[in-house]
Amino acid sequence: MANYVCAVCAYEYDPEVGDPDGGIAPGTPFEDIPDDWVCPVCGATKDQFDLEEG
């Protein structure tokens, strides 16, 4: 599973960790996160995340 990085604050979404505080269970691929989810650090929307390269 790929990691995604917030273009606003550089928060890295790791699918192995998920976002338990945001209701996203560990093991949830970024593509399966609801569209209304926002970055837990800065509140950026899901479309402001980029696939981590490398």
PDB file of N, CA and C in Angstrom:
ATOM      1  N   MET A   1       0.844  -1.186   0.000  1.00  0.00           N
ATOM      2  CA  MET A   1       0.000   0.000   0.000  1.00  0.00           C
ATOM      3  C   MET A   1       0.888   1.247   0.000  1.00  0.00           C
ATOM      4  N   ALA A   2       0.478   2.226  -0.749  1.00  0.00           N
ATOM      5  CA  ALA A   2       1.279   3.439  -0.909  1.00  0.00           C
ATOM      6  C   ALA A   2       0.959   4.473   0.163  1.00  0.00           C
ATOM      7  N   ASN A   3       1.970   5.253   0.502  1.00  0.00           N
ATOM      8  CA  ASN A   3       1.790   6.382   1.412  1.00  0.00           C
ATOM      9  C   ASN A   3       1.457   7.624   0.601  1.00  0.00           C
ATOM     10  N   TYR A   4       0.686   8.519   1.196  1.00  0.00           N
ATOM     11  CA  TYR A   4       0.336   9.789   0.568  1.00  0.00           C
ATOM     12  C   TYR A   4       0.751  10.919   1.501  1.00  0.00           C
ATOM     13  N   VAL A   5       1.179  12.041   0.905  1.00  0.00           N
ATOM     14  CA  VAL A   5       1.683  13.169   1.673  1.00  0.00           C
ATOM     15  C   VAL A   5       0.824  14.396   1.410  1.00  0.00           C
ATOM     16  N   CYS A   6       0.477  15.092   2.490  1.00  0.00           N
ATOM     17  CA  CYS A   6      -0.299  16.327   2.382  1.00  0.00           C
ATOM     18  C   CYS A   6       0.562  17.406   1.748  1.00  0.00           C
ATOM     19  N   ALA A   7       0.067  18.018   0.673  1.00  0.00           N
ATOM     20  CA  ALA A   7       0.807  19.071  -0.033  1.00  0.00           C
ATOM     21  C   ALA A   7       0.857  20.364   0.772  1.00  0.00           C
ATOM     22  N   VAL A   8       0.012  20.494   1.779  1.00  0.00           N
ATOM     23  CA  VAL A   8      -0.038  21.715   2.576  1.00  0.00           C
ATOM     24  C   VAL A   8       0.951  21.663   3.741  1.00  0.00           C
ATOM     25  N   CYS A   9       0.924  20.566   4.519  1.00  0.00           N
ATOM     26  CA  CYS A   9       1.739  20.520   5.742  1.00  0.00           C
ATOM     27  C   CYS A   9       2.741  19.378   5.797  1.00  0.00           C
ATOM     28  N   ALA A  10       2.754  18.522   4.782  1.00  0.00           N
ATOM     29  CA  ALA A  10       3.686  17.391   4.678  1.00  0.00           C
ATOM     30  C   ALA A  10       3.348  16.228   5.620  1.00  0.00           C
ATOM     31  N   TYR A  11       2.126  16.203   6.189  1.00  0.00           N
ATOM     32  CA  TYR A  11       1.694  15.038   6.956  1.00  0.00           C
ATOM     33  C   TYR A  11       1.681  13.836   6.026  1.00  0.00           C
ATOM     34  N   GLU A  12       2.188  12.708   6.507  1.00  0.00           N
ATOM     35  CA  GLU A  12       2.233  11.494   5.700  1.00  0.00           C
ATOM     36  C   GLU A  12       1.180  10.511   6.187  1.00  0.00           C
ATOM     37  N   TYR A  13       0.252  10.157   5.298  1.00  0.00           N
ATOM     38  CA  TYR A  13      -0.729   9.128   5.620  1.00  0.00           C
ATOM     39  C   TYR A  13      -0.107   7.772   5.343  1.00  0.00           C
ATOM     40  N   ASP A  14       0.021   6.974   6.384  1.00  0.00           N
ATOM     41  CA  ASP A  14       0.568   5.621   6.276  1.00  0.00           C
ATOM     42  C   ASP A  14      -0.594   4.647   6.434  1.00  0.00           C
ATOM     43  N   PRO A  15      -0.930   3.900   5.381  1.00  0.00           N
ATOM     44  CA  PRO A  15      -2.084   2.993   5.453  1.00  0.00           C
ATOM     45  C   PRO A  15      -1.931   1.910   6.513  1.00  0.00           C
ATOM     46  N   GLU A  16      -0.722   1.551   6.877  1.00  0.00           N
ATOM     47  CA  GLU A  16      -0.535   0.544   7.915  1.00  0.00           C
ATOM     48  C   GLU A  16      -0.954   1.078   9.284  1.00  0.00           C
ATOM     49  N   VAL A  17      -0.880   2.400   9.458  1.00  0.00           N
ATOM     50  CA  VAL A  17      -1.254   3.045  10.724  1.00  0.00           C
ATOM     51  C   VAL A  17      -2.689   3.550  10.665  1.00  0.00           C
ATOM     52  N   GLY A  18      -3.105   4.049   9.500  1.00  0.00           N
ATOM     53  CA  GLY A  18      -4.428   4.647   9.352  1.00  0.00           C
ATOM     54  C   GLY A  18      -4.477   5.994  10.057  1.00  0.00           C
ATOM     55  N   ASP A  19      -5.661   6.404  10.452  1.00  0.00           N
ATOM     56  CA  ASP A  19      -5.884   7.626  11.233  1.00  0.00           C
ATOM     57  C   ASP A  19      -6.962   7.309  12.261  1.00  0.00           C
ATOM     58  N   PRO A  20      -6.577   6.546  13.312  1.00  0.00           N
ATOM     59  CA  PRO A  20      -7.572   6.114  14.298  1.00  0.00           C
ATOM     60  C   PRO A  20      -8.382   7.268  14.900  1.00  0.00           C
ATOM     61  N   ASP A  21      -7.742   8.407  15.140  1.00  0.00           N
ATOM     62  CA  ASP A  21      -8.456   9.552  15.706  1.00  0.00           C
ATOM     63  C   ASP A  21      -9.481  10.114  14.718  1.00  0.00           C
ATOM     64  N   GLY A  22      -9.228   9.897  13.417  1.00  0.00           N
ATOM     65  CA  GLY A  22     -10.138  10.371  12.386  1.00  0.00           C
ATOM     66  C   GLY A  22     -11.117   9.306  11.904  1.00  0.00           C
ATOM     67  N   GLY A  23     -11.107   8.148  12.581  1.00  0.00           N
ATOM     68  CA  GLY A  23     -12.036   7.083  12.228  1.00  0.00           C
ATOM     69  C   GLY A  23     -11.572   6.192  11.100  1.00  0.00           C
ATOM     70  N   ILE A  24     -10.279   6.262  10.752  1.00  0.00           N
ATOM     71  CA  ILE A  24      -9.734   5.429   9.673  1.00  0.00           C
ATOM     72  C   ILE A  24      -8.904   4.309  10.298  1.00  0.00           C
ATOM     73  N   ALA A  25      -9.358   3.074  10.127  1.00  0.00           N
ATOM     74  CA  ALA A  25      -8.703   1.927  10.752  1.00  0.00           C
ATOM     75  C   ALA A  25      -7.360   1.626  10.112  1.00  0.00           C
ATOM     76  N   PRO A  26      -6.417   1.096  10.907  1.00  0.00           N
ATOM     77  CA  PRO A  26      -5.155   0.632  10.325  1.00  0.00           C
ATOM     78  C   PRO A  26      -5.428  -0.376   9.208  1.00  0.00           C
ATOM     79  N   GLY A  27      -4.623  -0.303   8.156  1.00  0.00           N
ATOM     80  CA  GLY A  27      -4.799  -1.204   7.022  1.00  0.00           C
ATOM     81  C   GLY A  27      -5.710  -0.652   5.935  1.00  0.00           C
ATOM     82  N   THR A  28      -6.169   0.599   6.089  1.00  0.00           N
ATOM     83  CA  THR A  28      -7.071   1.205   5.107  1.00  0.00           C
ATOM     84  C   THR A  28      -6.263   1.918   4.021  1.00  0.00           C
ATOM     85  N   PRO A  29      -6.340   1.448   2.764  1.00  0.00           N
ATOM     86  CA  PRO A  29      -5.651   2.151   1.676  1.00  0.00           C
ATOM     87  C   PRO A  29      -6.210   3.566   1.512  1.00  0.00           C
ATOM     88  N   PHE A  30      -5.352   4.490   1.085  1.00  0.00           N
ATOM     89  CA  PHE A  30      -5.764   5.880   0.910  1.00  0.00           C
ATOM     90  C   PHE A  30      -6.983   5.984   0.004  1.00  0.00           C
ATOM     91  N   GLU A  31      -7.042   5.168  -1.027  1.00  0.00           N
ATOM     92  CA  GLU A  31      -8.133   5.209  -1.990  1.00  0.00           C
ATOM     93  C   GLU A  31      -9.480   4.873  -1.343  1.00  0.00           C
ATOM     94  N   ASP A  32      -9.451   4.145  -0.225  1.00  0.00           N
ATOM     95  CA  ASP A  32     -10.691   3.723   0.440  1.00  0.00           C
ATOM     96  C   ASP A  32     -11.153   4.679   1.535  1.00  0.00           C
ATOM     97  N   ILE A  33     -10.383   5.739   1.780  1.00  0.00           N
ATOM     98  CA  ILE A  33     -10.784   6.728   2.778  1.00  0.00           C
ATOM     99  C   ILE A  33     -11.948   7.537   2.207  1.00  0.00           C
ATOM    100  N   PRO A  34     -12.959   7.837   3.023  1.00  0.00           N
ATOM    101  CA  PRO A  34     -14.084   8.652   2.529  1.00  0.00           C
ATOM    102  C   PRO A  34     -13.606  10.009   1.996  1.00  0.00           C
ATOM    103  N   ASP A  35     -14.302  10.519   0.993  1.00  0.00           N
ATOM    104  CA  ASP A  35     -13.913  11.780   0.361  1.00  0.00           C
ATOM    105  C   ASP A  35     -13.995  12.979   1.301  1.00  0.00           C
ATOM    106  N   ASP A  36     -14.758  12.862   2.376  1.00  0.00           N
ATOM    107  CA  ASP A  36     -14.878  13.998   3.300  1.00  0.00           C
ATOM    108  C   ASP A  36     -13.827  13.985   4.414  1.00  0.00           C
ATOM    109  N   TRP A  37     -12.927  13.017   4.391  1.00  0.00           N
ATOM    110  CA  TRP A  37     -11.828  12.966   5.358  1.00  0.00           C
ATOM    111  C   TRP A  37     -10.902  14.149   5.118  1.00  0.00           C
ATOM    112  N   VAL A  38     -10.325  14.686   6.192  1.00  0.00           N
ATOM    113  CA  VAL A  38      -9.368  15.788   6.071  1.00  0.00           C
ATOM    114  C   VAL A  38      -8.093  15.452   6.821  1.00  0.00           C
ATOM    115  N   CYS A  39      -7.012  16.122   6.454  1.00  0.00           N
ATOM    116  CA  CYS A  39      -5.723  15.947   7.101  1.00  0.00           C
ATOM    117  C   CYS A  39      -5.870  16.208   8.600  1.00  0.00           C
ATOM    118  N   PRO A  40      -5.383  15.286   9.441  1.00  0.00           N
ATOM    119  CA  PRO A  40      -5.532  15.476  10.883  1.00  0.00           C
ATOM    120  C   PRO A  40      -4.650  16.592  11.445  1.00  0.00           C
ATOM    121  N   VAL A  41      -3.691  17.060  10.669  1.00  0.00           N
ATOM    122  CA  VAL A  41      -2.791  18.116  11.138  1.00  0.00           C
ATOM    123  C   VAL A  41      -3.288  19.501  10.736  1.00  0.00           C
ATOM    124  N   CYS A  42      -3.630  19.665   9.445  1.00  0.00           N
ATOM    125  CA  CYS A  42      -3.953  21.013   8.961  1.00  0.00           C
ATOM    126  C   CYS A  42      -5.359  21.168   8.395  1.00  0.00           C
ATOM    127  N   GLY A  43      -6.093  20.059   8.242  1.00  0.00           N
ATOM    128  CA  GLY A  43      -7.459  20.144   7.736  1.00  0.00           C
ATOM    129  C   GLY A  43      -7.578  20.185   6.227  1.00  0.00           C
ATOM    130  N   ALA A  44      -6.480  19.936   5.513  1.00  0.00           N
ATOM    131  CA  ALA A  44      -6.526  19.907   4.051  1.00  0.00           C
ATOM    132  C   ALA A  44      -7.419  18.763   3.580  1.00  0.00           C
ATOM    133  N   THR A  45      -8.055  18.943   2.448  1.00  0.00           N
ATOM    134  CA  THR A  45      -8.936  17.908   1.913  1.00  0.00           C
ATOM    135  C   THR A  45      -8.134  16.787   1.253  1.00  0.00           C
ATOM    136  N   LYS A  46      -8.792  15.673   1.053  1.00  0.00           N
ATOM    137  CA  LYS A  46      -8.140  14.478   0.504  1.00  0.00           C
ATOM    138  C   LYS A  46      -7.487  14.743  -0.857  1.00  0.00           C
ATOM    139  N   ASP A  47      -8.084  15.628  -1.663  1.00  0.00           N
ATOM    140  CA  ASP A  47      -7.526  15.897  -2.990  1.00  0.00           C
ATOM    141  C   ASP A  47      -6.245  16.735  -2.935  1.00  0.00           C
ATOM    142  N   GLN A  48      -5.841  17.157  -1.743  1.00  0.00           N
ATOM    143  CA  GLN A  48      -4.600  17.906  -1.597  1.00  0.00           C
ATOM    144  C   GLN A  48      -3.437  17.004  -1.166  1.00  0.00           C
ATOM    145  N   PHE A  49      -3.630  15.699  -1.274  1.00  0.00           N
ATOM    146  CA  PHE A  49      -2.582  14.735  -0.961  1.00  0.00           C
ATOM    147  C   PHE A  49      -1.984  14.195  -2.253  1.00  0.00           C
ATOM    148  N   ASP A  50      -0.684  13.950  -2.215  1.00  0.00           N
ATOM    149  CA  ASP A  50       0.035  13.420  -3.379  1.00  0.00           C
ATOM    150  C   ASP A  50       0.661  12.079  -3.020  1.00  0.00           C
ATOM    151  N   LEU A  51       0.727  11.202  -4.005  1.00  0.00           N
ATOM    152  CA  LEU A  51       1.383   9.908  -3.829  1.00  0.00           C
ATOM    153  C   LEU A  51       2.847  10.146  -3.503  1.00  0.00           C
ATOM    154  N   GLU A  52       3.328   9.489  -2.448  1.00  0.00           N
ATOM    155  CA  GLU A  52       4.730   9.624  -2.075  1.00  0.00           C
ATOM    156  C   GLU A  52       5.594   8.895  -3.091  1.00  0.00           C
ATOM    157  N   GLU A  53       6.582   9.568  -3.581  1.00  0.00           N
ATOM    158  CA  GLU A  53       7.489   8.964  -4.568  1.00  0.00           C
ATOM    159  C   GLU A  53       8.646   8.296  -3.844  1.00  0.00           C
ATOM    160  N   GLY A  54       9.098   7.166  -4.402  1.00  0.00           N
ATOM    161  CA  GLY A  54      10.288   6.548  -3.873  1.00  0.00           C
ATOM    162  C   GLY A  54      10.010   5.364  -3.054  1.00  0.00           C
TER     163      GLY A  54
END
